[in-house]
Protein backbone atom coordinates (compact mmCIF):
# COMPACT_ATOMS: atom_id res chain seq x y z
CA MET A 1 64.59 -42.94 -20.87
CA ARG A 2 65.76 -39.44 -21.07
CA HIS A 3 66.55 -37.80 -24.39
CA SER A 4 68.12 -34.59 -23.09
CA PHE A 5 69.63 -33.39 -20.05
CA GLY A 6 68.59 -29.85 -20.18
CA THR A 7 65.25 -28.39 -19.20
CA PRO A 8 62.69 -29.46 -20.31
CA VAL A 9 63.30 -33.22 -20.19
CA ALA A 10 62.10 -35.36 -23.06
CA TYR A 11 60.98 -38.92 -22.55
CA CYS A 12 60.42 -41.60 -25.28
CA SER A 13 56.95 -42.11 -23.90
CA THR A 14 54.41 -41.13 -21.25
CA ALA A 15 54.98 -44.59 -19.57
CA CYS A 16 58.64 -43.96 -19.39
CA ARG A 17 58.30 -40.69 -17.88
CA ARG A 18 55.88 -42.27 -15.31
CA ARG A 19 58.19 -44.99 -14.49
CA GLU A 20 60.93 -42.55 -13.98
CA ARG A 21 59.01 -40.32 -11.64
CA LEU A 22 57.98 -43.33 -9.50
CA THR A 23 61.32 -44.34 -9.06
CA LEU A 24 62.49 -41.15 -8.00
CA ARG A 25 59.72 -40.73 -5.60
CA ARG A 26 60.74 -43.85 -4.17
CA ALA A 27 64.23 -43.05 -3.63
CA LEU A 28 63.38 -39.74 -2.07
CA GLN A 29 61.03 -41.46 0.28
CA HIS A 30 64.34 -43.32 1.61
CA ASP A 31 66.38 -40.35 1.76
CA LEU A 32 68.40 -41.21 -1.17
CA ASP A 33 70.27 -39.31 -4.04
CA ALA A 34 67.68 -39.55 -6.72
CA GLY A 35 69.93 -39.26 -9.70
CA THR A 36 68.57 -40.49 -13.05
CA VAL A 37 69.57 -43.82 -14.40
CA SER A 38 69.15 -45.13 -18.07
CA ARG A 39 66.90 -48.24 -18.07
CA ILE A 40 67.98 -49.20 -21.48
CA ALA A 41 71.66 -48.79 -20.66
CA ILE A 42 71.38 -51.25 -17.67
CA TYR A 43 69.16 -53.87 -19.85
CA GLN A 44 71.79 -53.82 -22.40
CA ARG A 45 74.78 -53.95 -19.82
CA ASP A 46 72.82 -56.93 -18.49
CA GLY A 47 72.24 -58.61 -21.88
CA TRP A 48 68.57 -58.48 -21.36
CA THR A 49 68.82 -61.31 -19.09
CA CYS A 50 67.24 -61.45 -15.59
CA HIS A 51 69.78 -61.56 -12.92
CA ILE A 52 67.46 -63.53 -10.56
CA CYS A 53 66.36 -66.65 -12.79
CA GLY A 54 69.09 -66.12 -15.70
CA ASP A 55 66.47 -66.25 -18.53
CA PRO A 56 66.02 -63.60 -20.95
CA VAL A 57 63.51 -60.83 -20.66
CA ASP A 58 61.18 -60.05 -23.41
CA ARG A 59 62.11 -56.78 -24.77
CA ASP A 60 58.68 -55.94 -26.15
CA ALA A 61 56.61 -56.80 -23.25
CA VAL A 62 55.49 -54.13 -20.55
CA VAL A 63 54.34 -54.43 -16.94
CA PRO A 64 52.19 -56.10 -15.97
CA ASP A 65 53.27 -58.85 -18.38
CA LEU A 66 55.35 -61.15 -16.21
CA ALA A 67 58.09 -61.49 -18.67
CA ALA A 68 58.57 -57.61 -18.89
CA PRO A 69 61.97 -56.03 -17.97
CA VAL A 70 62.14 -54.07 -15.09
CA LEU A 71 65.22 -52.89 -12.72
CA ASP A 72 65.73 -54.50 -9.68
CA HIS A 73 67.58 -52.92 -6.45
CA VAL A 74 69.87 -55.76 -5.73
CA VAL A 75 70.00 -54.27 -2.06
CA PRO A 76 66.49 -53.04 -1.71
CA LEU A 77 65.94 -49.31 -0.96
CA ALA A 78 63.89 -50.57 2.08
CA ARG A 79 67.15 -52.38 3.32
CA GLY A 80 69.36 -49.31 2.68
CA GLY A 81 70.39 -49.81 -0.86
CA THR A 82 71.29 -47.09 -3.17
CA HIS A 83 69.58 -45.93 -6.42
CA ASP A 84 72.44 -46.00 -8.78
CA GLU A 85 73.77 -48.12 -11.57
CA GLY A 86 75.75 -50.23 -9.37
CA ASN A 87 72.89 -51.50 -7.20
CA LEU A 88 70.56 -52.01 -10.24
CA LYS A 89 70.04 -55.00 -12.40
CA THR A 90 67.60 -56.16 -15.08
CA ALA A 91 64.82 -58.70 -13.85
CA HIS A 92 61.59 -59.95 -15.02
CA PHE A 93 58.73 -58.21 -13.43
CA TYR A 94 57.61 -61.67 -12.03
CA CYS A 95 61.03 -62.42 -10.56
CA ASN A 96 61.31 -58.90 -8.97
CA SER A 97 57.75 -59.04 -7.71
CA VAL A 98 58.53 -62.41 -5.86
CA LYS A 99 61.95 -61.09 -4.61
CA ARG A 100 60.18 -58.03 -2.96
CA ASP A 101 62.71 -56.59 -0.37
CA LEU A 102 63.87 -59.71 1.09
CA ALA A 103 67.26 -59.50 2.82
CA ASP A 104 68.62 -62.63 1.63
CA GLY A 105 67.15 -62.34 -1.96
CA TRP A 106 65.27 -64.98 -3.85
CA SER A 107 66.34 -67.11 -6.87
CA ALA A 108 63.97 -68.91 -9.34
CA ALA A 109 66.73 -71.40 -9.89
CA ALA A 110 66.72 -72.80 -6.54
């Protein structure tokens, strides 16, 4: 998560900085506006609950732990989705990995 909006940018950890850079690189590959989003703000907005299966994510877990929280592009970037807070929701690493970029989505509850 960014801690400042000036230059230079400070992150809470090197892992957070790497995730941000990877996300921005993916957005740029799809010619999208690569604005910065706050992962924590989205996790809090979603109540730390996976929007795919409905179960809570493990706040302390980190990828590759299957219960780790990640951001899911509801409409995948590969399918024309945007990289903004309106298209991002909290998901488990596992659920998001299984969903991939399926056009019709995927539900663990089904």
